[in-house]
Amino acid sequence: MRIDDKWNGLRRRHFIGRTAKEGLQLLPQTREDPNNLKHADEEEIKSVMEGDSVTLHTDVTHIQRRDQILWMFGAQGIPIADIYNQKPNTYQTGRYGGRLQINSQTGSLTITNMRTTDSGLYRLEVINGKETLFKRFNLNAYARLPVPVIIRNSSQCSSSSERSSVSKCVLLCSVMNVTHVSLSWYKGNSLLSSINVSDLNIRLSLPLEVEYQDNNTYRCVINNPITNCTQHLHINDVCHTCSGLRHTDWVVIIAVIFILISAAGLVCFVKIVAVKHCRINEQELQESNVEETLSLNHLNNLGATSDMVSAPAVSNGVFTCCPCGHIV
């Protein structure tokens, strides 16, 4: 049997033989036409975070054998769950995919792992032996909020007016992929500026100008109807004056100077070692040549023959040393 045929038949059926005490404990609202929402009970609004679970209550204490429960979604009244002859049933395909649970004792509907697409109108229809009762819920599921990011908007200094010489730091608070939220700047507990968005998955940004020496407390807040997320501003970490250097700038400059001095010292040390090594080689060569000269003179005194190997010529006993250590 189709669900529509089953419930159309139930709407035409009248149950008798039960007292009011045996019936359902519901709000005393009845109507002839169940599709005419103008006569439905007051709408109940519920807001939840994405990923959470929510239960829509029927206000029924205990379902009797002939009591019928029907849950519908959207303005068209698409059936999503029911209890018929005390047998609970859910329609899990498509939108919900196994996330629906219906209580067999009370008929209350639970939706687990909420998604933003689950937001909308939920309608309850309860049929007992005396009347047909209605209830509806406006359910809103909100995405979880990202943490706002605060950055400096421009590398240039600005001033609030041509008359003012006080430099300002221009900041930008941003969030990505948000919908149905507001973004605000606060100075202490005072609201400075705010912007709202209802479009899907857009970037939202809000600027702020502060003085470099400002000691006030600033914060950027993103919020939706049920929660918020705050990012506090630390001016010294984001802004610095145009006329001076920050502490980190001085650290970098000193580090660069130290590296340059160290490099120059290393070059000088290498040159000194090379010159010293050259001088040692020069002295050793001079001593060797002197010894050879003395040996030759001794042989000549002993009447050595002219076919003996002659000593290398020495130009006035002067040797020169190149930077590379060669003798010329």
C-alpha atoms as a PDB file:
ATOM      1  CA  MET A   1       0.000   0.000   0.000  1.00  0.00           C
ATOM      2  CA  ARG A   2       1.319   3.428  -0.864  1.00  0.00           C
ATOM      3  CA  ILE A   3       1.946   5.771   2.037  1.00  0.00           C
ATOM      4  CA  ASP A   4      -0.359   8.404   0.555  1.00  0.00           C
ATOM      5  CA  ASP A   5      -3.194   5.892   0.150  1.00  0.00           C
ATOM      6  CA  LYS A   6      -2.687   4.589   3.689  1.00  0.00           C
ATOM      7  CA  TRP A   7      -2.870   8.045   5.274  1.00  0.00           C
ATOM      8  CA  ASN A   8      -5.731   9.222   3.123  1.00  0.00           C
ATOM      9  CA  GLY A   9      -7.626   6.208   4.381  1.00  0.00           C
ATOM     10  CA  LEU A  10      -6.686   6.941   7.975  1.00  0.00           C
ATOM     11  CA  ARG A  11      -7.856  10.518   7.666  1.00  0.00           C
ATOM     12  CA  ARG A  12     -11.316   9.257   6.705  1.00  0.00           C
ATOM     13  CA  ARG A  13     -11.448   6.659   9.468  1.00  0.00           C
ATOM     14  CA  HIS A  14     -13.121   7.380  12.824  1.00  0.00           C
ATOM     15  CA  PHE A  15     -12.088   5.594  16.000  1.00  0.00           C
ATOM     16  CA  ILE A  16     -14.555   5.089  18.810  1.00  0.00           C
ATOM     17  CA  GLY A  17     -14.775   3.205  22.087  1.00  0.00           C
ATOM     18  CA  ARG A  18     -12.024   4.967  24.082  1.00  0.00           C
ATOM     19  CA  THR A  19     -12.372   7.460  26.856  1.00  0.00           C
ATOM     20  CA  ALA A  20     -10.399  10.673  26.999  1.00  0.00           C
ATOM     21  CA  LYS A  21      -8.236   9.156  29.741  1.00  0.00           C
ATOM     22  CA  GLU A  22      -7.246   6.313  27.430  1.00  0.00           C
ATOM     23  CA  GLY A  23      -6.404   8.691  24.598  1.00  0.00           C
ATOM     24  CA  LEU A  24      -3.335  10.751  23.807  1.00  0.00           C
ATOM     25  CA  GLN A  25      -2.091  13.570  25.989  1.00  0.00           C
ATOM     26  CA  LEU A  26      -1.766  16.197  23.278  1.00  0.00           C
ATOM     27  CA  LEU A  27      -2.345  19.881  22.816  1.00  0.00           C
ATOM     28  CA  PRO A  28      -6.098  20.322  22.258  1.00  0.00           C
ATOM     29  CA  GLN A  29      -5.927  21.519  18.670  1.00  0.00           C
ATOM     30  CA  THR A  30      -8.178  20.034  15.962  1.00  0.00           C
ATOM     31  CA  ARG A  31      -9.109  20.907  12.427  1.00  0.00           C
ATOM     32  CA  GLU A  32     -11.185  19.613   9.547  1.00  0.00           C
ATOM     33  CA  ASP A  33      -8.557  20.070   6.795  1.00  0.00           C
ATOM     34  CA  PRO A  34      -5.061  18.807   7.771  1.00  0.00           C
ATOM     35  CA  ASN A  35      -3.471  20.603   4.813  1.00  0.00           C
ATOM     36  CA  ASN A  36      -4.627  24.022   6.026  1.00  0.00           C
ATOM     37  CA  LEU A  37      -1.624  25.111   8.131  1.00  0.00           C
ATOM     38  CA  LYS A  38      -3.343  28.310   9.238  1.00  0.00           C
ATOM     39  CA  HIS A  39      -5.142  26.272  11.857  1.00  0.00           C
ATOM     40  CA  ALA A  40      -2.121  24.247  12.966  1.00  0.00           C
ATOM     41  CA  ASP A  41      -0.579  24.493  16.417  1.00  0.00           C
ATOM     42  CA  GLU A  42       1.947  27.238  17.049  1.00  0.00           C
ATOM     43  CA  GLU A  43       5.196  26.580  15.199  1.00  0.00           C
ATOM     44  CA  GLU A  44       8.147  25.489  17.323  1.00  0.00           C
ATOM     45  CA  ILE A  45      11.569  26.777  16.231  1.00  0.00           C
ATOM     46  CA  LYS A  46      14.686  24.676  16.814  1.00  0.00           C
ATOM     47  CA  SER A  47      18.317  25.520  16.021  1.00  0.00           C
ATOM     48  CA  VAL A  48      21.172  23.014  16.108  1.00  0.00           C
ATOM     49  CA  MET A  49      24.783  22.747  14.977  1.00  0.00           C
ATOM     50  CA  GLU A  50      25.809  20.646  12.010  1.00  0.00           C
ATOM     51  CA  GLY A  51      26.802  17.171  13.177  1.00  0.00           C
ATOM     52  CA  ASP A  52      24.597  17.225  16.282  1.00  0.00           C
ATOM     53  CA  SER A  53      21.385  15.276  16.868  1.00  0.00           C
ATOM     54  CA  VAL A  54      17.940  16.765  17.433  1.00  0.00           C
ATOM     55  CA  THR A  55      14.650  15.283  18.658  1.00  0.00           C
ATOM     56  CA  LEU A  56      11.244  16.604  17.643  1.00  0.00           C
ATOM     57  CA  HIS A  57       8.782  15.714  20.403  1.00  0.00           C
ATOM     58  CA  THR A  58       5.145  14.765  19.847  1.00  0.00           C
ATOM     59  CA  ASP A  59       4.088  15.532  23.461  1.00  0.00           C
ATOM     60  CA  VAL A  60       2.516  12.047  23.478  1.00  0.00           C
ATOM     61  CA  THR A  61       2.988  10.095  26.711  1.00  0.00           C
ATOM     62  CA  HIS A  62       2.158   6.662  25.302  1.00  0.00           C
ATOM     63  CA  ILE A  63       0.851   5.533  21.920  1.00  0.00           C
ATOM     64  CA  GLN A  64      -2.247   3.300  21.999  1.00  0.00           C
ATOM     65  CA  ARG A  65      -2.948   0.515  19.542  1.00  0.00           C
ATOM     66  CA  ARG A  66      -5.179   2.545  17.216  1.00  0.00           C
ATOM     67  CA  ASP A  67      -3.101   5.735  17.387  1.00  0.00           C
ATOM     68  CA  GLN A  68      -1.452   6.752  14.134  1.00  0.00           C
ATOM     69  CA  ILE A  69       1.651   9.013  13.785  1.00  0.00           C
ATOM     70  CA  LEU A  70       2.909  10.607  10.573  1.00  0.00           C
ATOM     71  CA  TRP A  71       5.992  12.826  10.129  1.00  0.00           C
ATOM     72  CA  MET A  72       6.354  14.918   6.977  1.00  0.00           C
ATOM     73  CA  PHE A  73       9.019  17.262   5.611  1.00  0.00           C
ATOM     74  CA  GLY A  74       8.698  20.459   3.595  1.00  0.00           C
ATOM     75  CA  ALA A  75       5.774  22.496   2.371  1.00  0.00           C
ATOM     76  CA  GLN A  76       4.684  19.601   0.147  1.00  0.00           C
ATOM     77  CA  GLY A  77       4.414  17.260   3.137  1.00  0.00           C
ATOM     78  CA  ILE A  78       6.761  14.488   1.988  1.00  0.00           C
ATOM     79  CA  PRO A  79       6.335  11.493   4.384  1.00  0.00           C
ATOM     80  CA  ILE A  80       9.572  10.554   6.184  1.00  0.00           C
ATOM     81  CA  ALA A  81       8.392   8.396   9.134  1.00  0.00           C
ATOM     82  CA  ASP A  82       5.235   6.934  10.649  1.00  0.00           C
ATOM     83  CA  ILE A  83       3.757   4.577  13.240  1.00  0.00           C
ATOM     84  CA  TYR A  84       0.881   2.460  11.928  1.00  0.00           C
ATOM     85  CA  ASN A  85      -0.703  -0.308  14.016  1.00  0.00           C
ATOM     86  CA  GLN A  86       2.061   0.289  16.583  1.00  0.00           C
ATOM     87  CA  LYS A  87       4.735  -0.521  13.995  1.00  0.00           C
ATOM     88  CA  PRO A  88       7.331   2.272  13.535  1.00  0.00           C
ATOM     89  CA  ASN A  89       8.703   2.876  10.072  1.00  0.00           C
ATOM     90  CA  THR A  90      11.165   5.381   8.584  1.00  0.00           C
ATOM     91  CA  TYR A  91      11.845   6.272   4.956  1.00  0.00           C
ATOM     92  CA  GLN A  92      15.651   6.410   4.948  1.00  0.00           C
ATOM     93  CA  THR A  93      16.478   6.702   1.264  1.00  0.00           C
ATOM     94  CA  GLY A  94      17.631   9.922  -0.336  1.00  0.00           C
ATOM     95  CA  ARG A  95      17.936  12.902   1.976  1.00  0.00           C
ATOM     96  CA  TYR A  96      18.475  11.143   5.313  1.00  0.00           C
ATOM     97  CA  GLY A  97      20.201   7.856   4.486  1.00  0.00           C
ATOM     98  CA  GLY A  98      19.640   6.014   7.769  1.00  0.00           C
ATOM     99  CA  ARG A  99      19.757   9.048  10.080  1.00  0.00           C
ATOM    100  CA  LEU A 100      16.089   8.937  11.167  1.00  0.00           C
ATOM    101  CA  GLN A 101      14.854   7.300  14.372  1.00  0.00           C
ATOM    102  CA  ILE A 102      11.251   7.216  15.605  1.00  0.00           C
ATOM    103  CA  ASN A 103      10.355   6.353  19.190  1.00  0.00           C
ATOM    104  CA  SER A 104       7.834   3.489  19.238  1.00  0.00           C
ATOM    105  CA  GLN A 105       6.364   4.640  22.598  1.00  0.00           C
ATOM    106  CA  THR A 106       5.935   8.378  22.014  1.00  0.00           C
ATOM    107  CA  GLY A 107       6.331   8.819  18.235  1.00  0.00           C
ATOM    108  CA  SER A 108       9.048  11.474  18.702  1.00  0.00           C
ATOM    109  CA  LEU A 109      11.403  11.831  15.737  1.00  0.00           C
ATOM    110  CA  THR A 110      15.208  12.008  16.111  1.00  0.00           C
ATOM    111  CA  ILE A 111      17.544  13.126  13.324  1.00  0.00           C
ATOM    112  CA  THR A 112      21.205  12.212  13.893  1.00  0.00           C
ATOM    113  CA  ASN A 113      24.314  13.814  12.395  1.00  0.00           C
ATOM    114  CA  MET A 114      22.433  16.910  11.271  1.00  0.00           C
ATOM    115  CA  ARG A 115      23.283  18.550   7.971  1.00  0.00           C
ATOM    116  CA  THR A 116      22.532  22.067   6.825  1.00  0.00           C
ATOM    117  CA  THR A 117      20.335  20.555   4.090  1.00  0.00           C
ATOM    118  CA  ASP A 118      18.095  19.096   6.818  1.00  0.00           C
ATOM    119  CA  SER A 119      16.868  22.605   7.649  1.00  0.00           C
ATOM    120  CA  GLY A 120      13.216  23.265   6.896  1.00  0.00           C
ATOM    121  CA  LEU A 121       9.631  22.669   7.979  1.00  0.00           C
ATOM    122  CA  TYR A 122       8.716  19.390   9.731  1.00  0.00           C
ATOM    123  CA  ARG A 123       5.034  18.542  10.212  1.00  0.00           C
ATOM    124  CA  LEU A 124       3.514  16.068  12.649  1.00  0.00           C
ATOM    125  CA  GLU A 125       0.056  14.543  12.259  1.00  0.00           C
ATOM    126  CA  VAL A 126      -1.471  12.416  15.029  1.00  0.00           C
ATOM    127  CA  ILE A 127      -4.746  10.527  14.529  1.00  0.00           C
ATOM    128  CA  ASN A 128      -6.593   8.976  17.435  1.00  0.00           C
ATOM    129  CA  GLY A 129     -10.141   7.785  17.973  1.00  0.00           C
ATOM    130  CA  LYS A 130     -11.522  11.286  18.540  1.00  0.00           C
ATOM    131  CA  GLU A 131      -9.551  13.814  16.547  1.00  0.00           C
ATOM    132  CA  THR A 132      -6.620  14.569  14.287  1.00  0.00           C
ATOM    133  CA  LEU A 133      -3.961  16.746  15.881  1.00  0.00           C
ATOM    134  CA  PHE A 134      -1.172  18.674  14.207  1.00  0.00           C
ATOM    135  CA  LYS A 135       2.162  20.157  15.150  1.00  0.00           C
ATOM    136  CA  ARG A 136       4.997  21.702  13.146  1.00  0.00           C
ATOM    137  CA  PHE A 137       8.666  22.524  13.669  1.00  0.00           C
ATOM    138  CA  ASN A 138      10.915  25.005  11.910  1.00  0.00           C
ATOM    139  CA  LEU A 139      14.335  23.373  12.126  1.00  0.00           C
ATOM    140  CA  ASN A 140      17.565  25.270  11.376  1.00  0.00           C
ATOM    141  CA  ALA A 141      20.950  23.501  11.151  1.00  0.00           C
ATOM    142  CA  TYR A 142      24.022  25.749  11.135  1.00  0.00           C
ATOM    143  CA  ALA A 143      27.526  24.907   9.933  1.00  0.00           C
ATOM    144  CA  ARG A 144      30.346  24.993  12.473  1.00  0.00           C
ATOM    145  CA  LEU A 145      32.127  28.328  12.613  1.00  0.00           C
ATOM    146  CA  PRO A 146      35.730  28.850  11.489  1.00  0.00           C
ATOM    147  CA  VAL A 147      38.205  30.882  13.555  1.00  0.00           C
ATOM    148  CA  PRO A 148      38.547  34.439  12.154  1.00  0.00           C
ATOM    149  CA  VAL A 149      41.961  35.384  10.731  1.00  0.00           C
ATOM    150  CA  ILE A 150      43.385  38.869  11.359  1.00  0.00           C
ATOM    151  CA  ILE A 151      46.007  40.217   8.939  1.00  0.00           C
ATOM    152  CA  ARG A 152      47.438  43.605   8.003  1.00  0.00           C
ATOM    153  CA  ASN A 153      45.558  44.876   4.983  1.00  0.00           C
ATOM    154  CA  SER A 154      48.308  47.101   3.548  1.00  0.00           C
ATOM    155  CA  SER A 155      52.059  47.577   3.914  1.00  0.00           C
ATOM    156  CA  GLN A 156      51.586  51.324   3.701  1.00  0.00           C
ATOM    157  CA  CYS A 157      50.804  53.604   6.628  1.00  0.00           C
ATOM    158  CA  SER A 158      47.596  55.574   6.498  1.00  0.00           C
ATOM    159  CA  SER A 159      46.083  58.433   8.439  1.00  0.00           C
ATOM    160  CA  SER A 160      42.496  58.953   9.428  1.00  0.00           C
ATOM    161  CA  SER A 161      42.397  62.425   7.914  1.00  0.00           C
ATOM    162  CA  GLU A 162      44.663  64.983   6.239  1.00  0.00           C
ATOM    163  CA  ARG A 163      44.737  67.014   9.455  1.00  0.00           C
ATOM    164  CA  SER A 164      45.847  64.102  11.582  1.00  0.00           C
ATOM    165  CA  SER A 165      49.477  63.058  11.612  1.00  0.00           C
ATOM    166  CA  VAL A 166      48.837  59.983  13.779  1.00  0.00           C
ATOM    167  CA  SER A 167      49.674  56.888  11.749  1.00  0.00           C
ATOM    168  CA  LYS A 168      47.146  54.072  11.616  1.00  0.00           C
ATOM    169  CA  CYS A 169      47.463  50.353  11.025  1.00  0.00           C
ATOM    170  CA  VAL A 170      44.828  48.963   8.644  1.00  0.00           C
ATOM    171  CA  LEU A 171      43.666  45.472   9.621  1.00  0.00           C
ATOM    172  CA  LEU A 172      41.390  42.945   7.976  1.00  0.00           C
ATOM    173  CA  CYS A 173      39.412  40.200   9.745  1.00  0.00           C
ATOM    174  CA  SER A 174      38.337  37.404   7.379  1.00  0.00           C
ATOM    175  CA  VAL A 175      36.524  34.064   7.365  1.00  0.00           C
ATOM    176  CA  MET A 176      36.110  31.621   4.483  1.00  0.00           C
ATOM    177  CA  ASN A 177      33.175  29.512   3.259  1.00  0.00           C
ATOM    178  CA  VAL A 178      30.492  30.811   5.606  1.00  0.00           C
ATOM    179  CA  THR A 179      26.741  31.334   5.370  1.00  0.00           C
ATOM    180  CA  HIS A 180      24.091  32.875   7.607  1.00  0.00           C
ATOM    181  CA  VAL A 181      26.643  34.506   9.916  1.00  0.00           C
ATOM    182  CA  SER A 182      27.686  37.969  11.054  1.00  0.00           C
ATOM    183  CA  LEU A 183      31.248  39.268  11.466  1.00  0.00           C
ATOM    184  CA  SER A 184      31.949  42.044  13.976  1.00  0.00           C
ATOM    185  CA  TRP A 185      34.769  44.163  15.455  1.00  0.00           C
ATOM    186  CA  TYR A 186      34.607  44.992  19.172  1.00  0.00           C
ATOM    187  CA  LYS A 187      36.612  47.492  21.210  1.00  0.00           C
ATOM    188  CA  GLY A 188      36.284  46.133  24.705  1.00  0.00           C
ATOM    189  CA  ASN A 189      32.567  45.411  24.964  1.00  0.00           C
ATOM    190  CA  SER A 190      31.556  48.116  22.467  1.00  0.00           C
ATOM    191  CA  LEU A 191      30.541  47.134  18.947  1.00  0.00           C
ATOM    192  CA  LEU A 192      32.550  49.083  16.327  1.00  0.00           C
ATOM    193  CA  SER A 193      31.305  47.574  13.062  1.00  0.00           C
ATOM    194  CA  SER A 194      29.463  44.528  11.764  1.00  0.00           C
ATOM    195  CA  ILE A 195      28.535  42.809   8.507  1.00  0.00           C
ATOM    196  CA  ASN A 196      26.025  40.020   7.778  1.00  0.00           C
ATOM    197  CA  VAL A 197      25.889  37.397   5.047  1.00  0.00           C
ATOM    198  CA  SER A 198      23.214  34.928   3.985  1.00  0.00           C
ATOM    199  CA  ASP A 199      24.757  33.636   0.749  1.00  0.00           C
ATOM    200  CA  LEU A 200      26.320  30.197   0.552  1.00  0.00           C
ATOM    201  CA  ASN A 201      30.054  29.575   0.925  1.00  0.00           C
ATOM    202  CA  ILE A 202      31.560  33.019   0.452  1.00  0.00           C
ATOM    203  CA  ARG A 203      34.512  34.895   1.944  1.00  0.00           C
ATOM    204  CA  LEU A 204      33.562  37.547   4.478  1.00  0.00           C
ATOM    205  CA  SER A 205      35.963  40.357   5.458  1.00  0.00           C
ATOM    206  CA  LEU A 206      35.724  43.401   7.741  1.00  0.00           C
ATOM    207  CA  PRO A 207      38.408  46.155   7.968  1.00  0.00           C
ATOM    208  CA  LEU A 208      39.564  48.089  11.047  1.00  0.00           C
ATOM    209  CA  GLU A 209      41.968  50.995  11.621  1.00  0.00           C
ATOM    210  CA  VAL A 210      43.907  51.222  14.886  1.00  0.00           C
ATOM    211  CA  GLU A 211      46.723  53.430  16.153  1.00  0.00           C
ATOM    212  CA  TYR A 212      50.106  51.791  16.568  1.00  0.00           C
ATOM    213  CA  GLN A 213      50.350  52.769  20.223  1.00  0.00           C
ATOM    214  CA  ASP A 214      46.735  51.867  21.015  1.00  0.00           C
ATOM    215  CA  ASN A 215      46.460  49.932  24.279  1.00  0.00           C
ATOM    216  CA  ASN A 216      42.763  49.085  23.985  1.00  0.00           C
ATOM    217  CA  THR A 217      41.479  45.531  23.660  1.00  0.00           C
ATOM    218  CA  TYR A 218      40.106  44.576  20.232  1.00  0.00           C
ATOM    219  CA  ARG A 219      38.494  41.350  19.066  1.00  0.00           C
ATOM    220  CA  CYS A 220      36.899  40.008  15.902  1.00  0.00           C
ATOM    221  CA  VAL A 221      33.809  37.828  16.410  1.00  0.00           C
ATOM    222  CA  ILE A 222      31.913  35.567  14.015  1.00  0.00           C
ATOM    223  CA  ASN A 223      28.530  34.328  15.166  1.00  0.00           C
ATOM    224  CA  ASN A 224      25.298  32.676  14.104  1.00  0.00           C
ATOM    225  CA  PRO A 225      22.060  32.433  16.131  1.00  0.00           C
ATOM    226  CA  ILE A 226      23.379  29.689  18.440  1.00  0.00           C
ATOM    227  CA  THR A 227      27.159  30.086  18.796  1.00  0.00           C
ATOM    228  CA  ASN A 228      30.154  32.358  18.163  1.00  0.00           C
ATOM    229  CA  CYS A 229      33.926  32.253  17.710  1.00  0.00           C
ATOM    230  CA  THR A 230      36.355  35.015  18.767  1.00  0.00           C
ATOM    231  CA  GLN A 231      39.837  36.044  17.627  1.00  0.00           C
ATOM    232  CA  HIS A 232      41.664  38.580  19.817  1.00  0.00           C
ATOM    233  CA  LEU A 233      43.899  41.235  18.272  1.00  0.00           C
ATOM    234  CA  HIS A 234      47.524  41.600  19.396  1.00  0.00           C
ATOM    235  CA  ILE A 235      48.551  44.900  17.810  1.00  0.00           C
ATOM    236  CA  ASN A 236      52.310  44.462  18.342  1.00  0.00           C
ATOM    237  CA  ASP A 237      52.241  41.156  16.470  1.00  0.00           C
ATOM    238  CA  VAL A 238      50.444  42.564  13.448  1.00  0.00           C
ATOM    239  CA  CYS A 239      51.340  46.254  13.238  1.00  0.00           C
ATOM    240  CA  HIS A 240      54.518  48.338  13.565  1.00  0.00           C
ATOM    241  CA  THR A 241      55.211  52.029  13.052  1.00  0.00           C
ATOM    242  CA  CYS A 242      56.459  53.294   9.719  1.00  0.00           C
ATOM    243  CA  SER A 243      59.069  55.588  11.275  1.00  0.00           C
ATOM    244  CA  GLY A 244      60.752  52.943  13.394  1.00  0.00           C
ATOM    245  CA  LEU A 245      61.779  49.343  13.328  1.00  0.00           C
ATOM    246  CA  ARG A 246      60.290  46.520  15.261  1.00  0.00           C
ATOM    247  CA  HIS A 247      62.299  44.387  17.657  1.00  0.00           C
ATOM    248  CA  THR A 248      62.326  41.551  15.127  1.00  0.00           C
ATOM    249  CA  ASP A 249      63.770  43.913  12.499  1.00  0.00           C
ATOM    250  CA  TRP A 250      66.678  44.797  14.803  1.00  0.00           C
ATOM    251  CA  VAL A 251      67.325  41.117  15.468  1.00  0.00           C
ATOM    252  CA  VAL A 252      67.557  40.432  11.740  1.00  0.00           C
ATOM    253  CA  ILE A 253      69.881  43.389  11.141  1.00  0.00           C
ATOM    254  CA  ILE A 254      72.228  42.370  13.972  1.00  0.00           C
ATOM    255  CA  ALA A 255      72.285  38.785  12.714  1.00  0.00           C
ATOM    256  CA  VAL A 256      73.229  39.922   9.205  1.00  0.00           C
ATOM    257  CA  ILE A 257      76.031  42.150  10.538  1.00  0.00           C
ATOM    258  CA  PHE A 258      77.375  39.300  12.657  1.00  0.00           C
ATOM    259  CA  ILE A 259      77.424  36.977   9.638  1.00  0.00           C
ATOM    260  CA  LEU A 260      79.295  39.556   7.538  1.00  0.00           C
ATOM    261  CA  ILE A 261      81.896  40.146  10.262  1.00  0.00           C
ATOM    262  CA  SER A 262      82.380  36.399  10.699  1.00  0.00           C
ATOM    263  CA  ALA A 263      82.858  35.926   6.964  1.00  0.00           C
ATOM    264  CA  ALA A 264      85.430  38.753   6.800  1.00  0.00           C
ATOM    265  CA  GLY A 265      87.317  37.296   9.762  1.00  0.00           C
ATOM    266  CA  LEU A 266      87.431  33.871   8.116  1.00  0.00           C
ATOM    267  CA  VAL A 267      88.863  35.345   4.915  1.00  0.00           C
ATOM    268  CA  CYS A 268      91.593  37.176   6.879  1.00  0.00           C
ATOM    269  CA  PHE A 269      92.471  34.017   8.797  1.00  0.00           C
ATOM    270  CA  VAL A 270      92.838  32.025   5.562  1.00  0.00           C
ATOM    271  CA  LYS A 271      95.136  34.724   4.090  1.00  0.00           C
ATOM    272  CA  ILE A 272      97.314  34.808   7.235  1.00  0.00           C
ATOM    273  CA  VAL A 273      97.743  31.030   7.217  1.00  0.00           C
ATOM    274  CA  ALA A 274      98.641  31.098   3.508  1.00  0.00           C
ATOM    275  CA  VAL A 275     101.295  33.832   3.993  1.00  0.00           C
ATOM    276  CA  LYS A 276     102.786  32.049   6.995  1.00  0.00           C
ATOM    277  CA  HIS A 277     102.992  28.807   5.069  1.00  0.00           C
ATOM    278  CA  CYS A 278     104.663  30.626   2.151  1.00  0.00           C
ATOM    279  CA  ARG A 279     107.299  32.131   4.436  1.00  0.00           C
ATOM    280  CA  ILE A 280     108.126  28.746   5.974  1.00  0.00           C
ATOM    281  CA  ASN A 281     108.628  27.246   2.520  1.00  0.00           C
ATOM    282  CA  GLU A 282     110.843  30.187   1.527  1.00  0.00           C
ATOM    283  CA  GLN A 283     113.050  29.752   4.608  1.00  0.00           C
ATOM    284  CA  GLU A 284     113.438  26.013   4.000  1.00  0.00           C
ATOM    285  CA  LEU A 285     114.483  26.620   0.386  1.00  0.00           C
ATOM    286  CA  GLN A 286     117.029  29.239   1.419  1.00  0.00           C
ATOM    287  CA  GLU A 287     118.598  26.853   3.963  1.00  0.00           C
ATOM    288  CA  SER A 288     118.745  24.054   1.394  1.00  0.00           C
ATOM    289  CA  ASN A 289     120.520  26.256  -1.170  1.00  0.00           C
ATOM    290  CA  VAL A 290     123.049  27.441   1.403  1.00  0.00           C
ATOM    291  CA  GLU A 291     123.923  23.843   2.280  1.00  0.00           C
ATOM    292  CA  GLU A 292     124.386  22.971  -1.430  1.00  0.00           C
ATOM    293  CA  THR A 293     126.632  26.020  -1.931  1.00  0.00           C
ATOM    294  CA  LEU A 294     128.822  25.041   1.006  1.00  0.00           C
ATOM    295  CA  SER A 295     129.112  21.482  -0.327  1.00  0.00           C
ATOM    296  CA  LEU A 296     130.237  22.718  -3.745  1.00  0.00           C
ATOM    297  CA  ASN A 297     132.845  25.029  -2.261  1.00  0.00           C
ATOM    298  CA  HIS A 298     134.221  22.140  -0.252  1.00  0.00           C
ATOM    299  CA  LEU A 299     134.491  19.932  -3.325  1.00  0.00           C
ATOM    300  CA  ASN A 300     136.262  22.694  -5.249  1.00  0.00           C
ATOM    301  CA  ASN A 301     138.777  23.017  -2.472  1.00  0.00           C
ATOM    302  CA  LEU A 302     139.450  19.271  -2.744  1.00  0.00           C
ATOM    303  CA  GLY A 303     140.194  19.627  -6.492  1.00  0.00           C
ATOM    304  CA  ALA A 304     136.960  18.246  -7.850  1.00  0.00           C
ATOM    305  CA  THR A 305     136.903  17.763 -11.624  1.00  0.00           C
ATOM    306  CA  SER A 306     135.067  20.151 -13.943  1.00  0.00           C
ATOM    307  CA  ASP A 307     132.559  17.427 -15.004  1.00  0.00           C
ATOM    308  CA  MET A 308     130.832  17.480 -11.651  1.00  0.00           C
ATOM    309  CA  VAL A 309     127.314  18.706 -11.486  1.00  0.00           C
ATOM    310  CA  SER A 310     127.251  22.461 -10.966  1.00  0.00           C
ATOM    311  CA  ALA A 311     125.120  24.029  -8.315  1.00  0.00           C
ATOM    312  CA  PRO A 312     121.956  25.857  -9.272  1.00  0.00           C
ATOM    313  CA  ALA A 313     122.440  29.525  -9.861  1.00  0.00           C
ATOM    314  CA  VAL A 314     121.444  31.830  -7.096  1.00  0.00           C
ATOM    315  CA  SER A 315     120.639  35.361  -8.007  1.00  0.00           C
ATOM    316  CA  ASN A 316     122.249  37.253  -5.158  1.00  0.00           C
ATOM    317  CA  GLY A 317     120.734  34.798  -2.748  1.00  0.00           C
ATOM    318  CA  VAL A 318     117.338  36.387  -3.189  1.00  0.00           C
ATOM    319  CA  PHE A 319     114.145  34.305  -3.383  1.00  0.00           C
ATOM    320  CA  THR A 320     110.624  35.498  -3.899  1.00  0.00           C
ATOM    321  CA  CYS A 321     107.473  33.741  -2.801  1.00  0.00           C
ATOM    322  CA  CYS A 322     104.213  33.920  -4.676  1.00  0.00           C
ATOM    323  CA  PRO A 323     100.929  33.756  -2.803  1.00  0.00           C
ATOM    324  CA  CYS A 324     100.502  30.199  -4.078  1.00  0.00           C
ATOM    325  CA  GLY A 325     103.817  29.071  -2.570  1.00  0.00           C
ATOM    326  CA  HIS A 326     105.927  28.735  -5.794  1.00  0.00           C
ATOM    327  CA  ILE A 327     109.539  29.983  -5.867  1.00  0.00           C
ATOM    328  CA  VAL A 328     110.610  32.407  -8.633  1.00  0.00           C
END
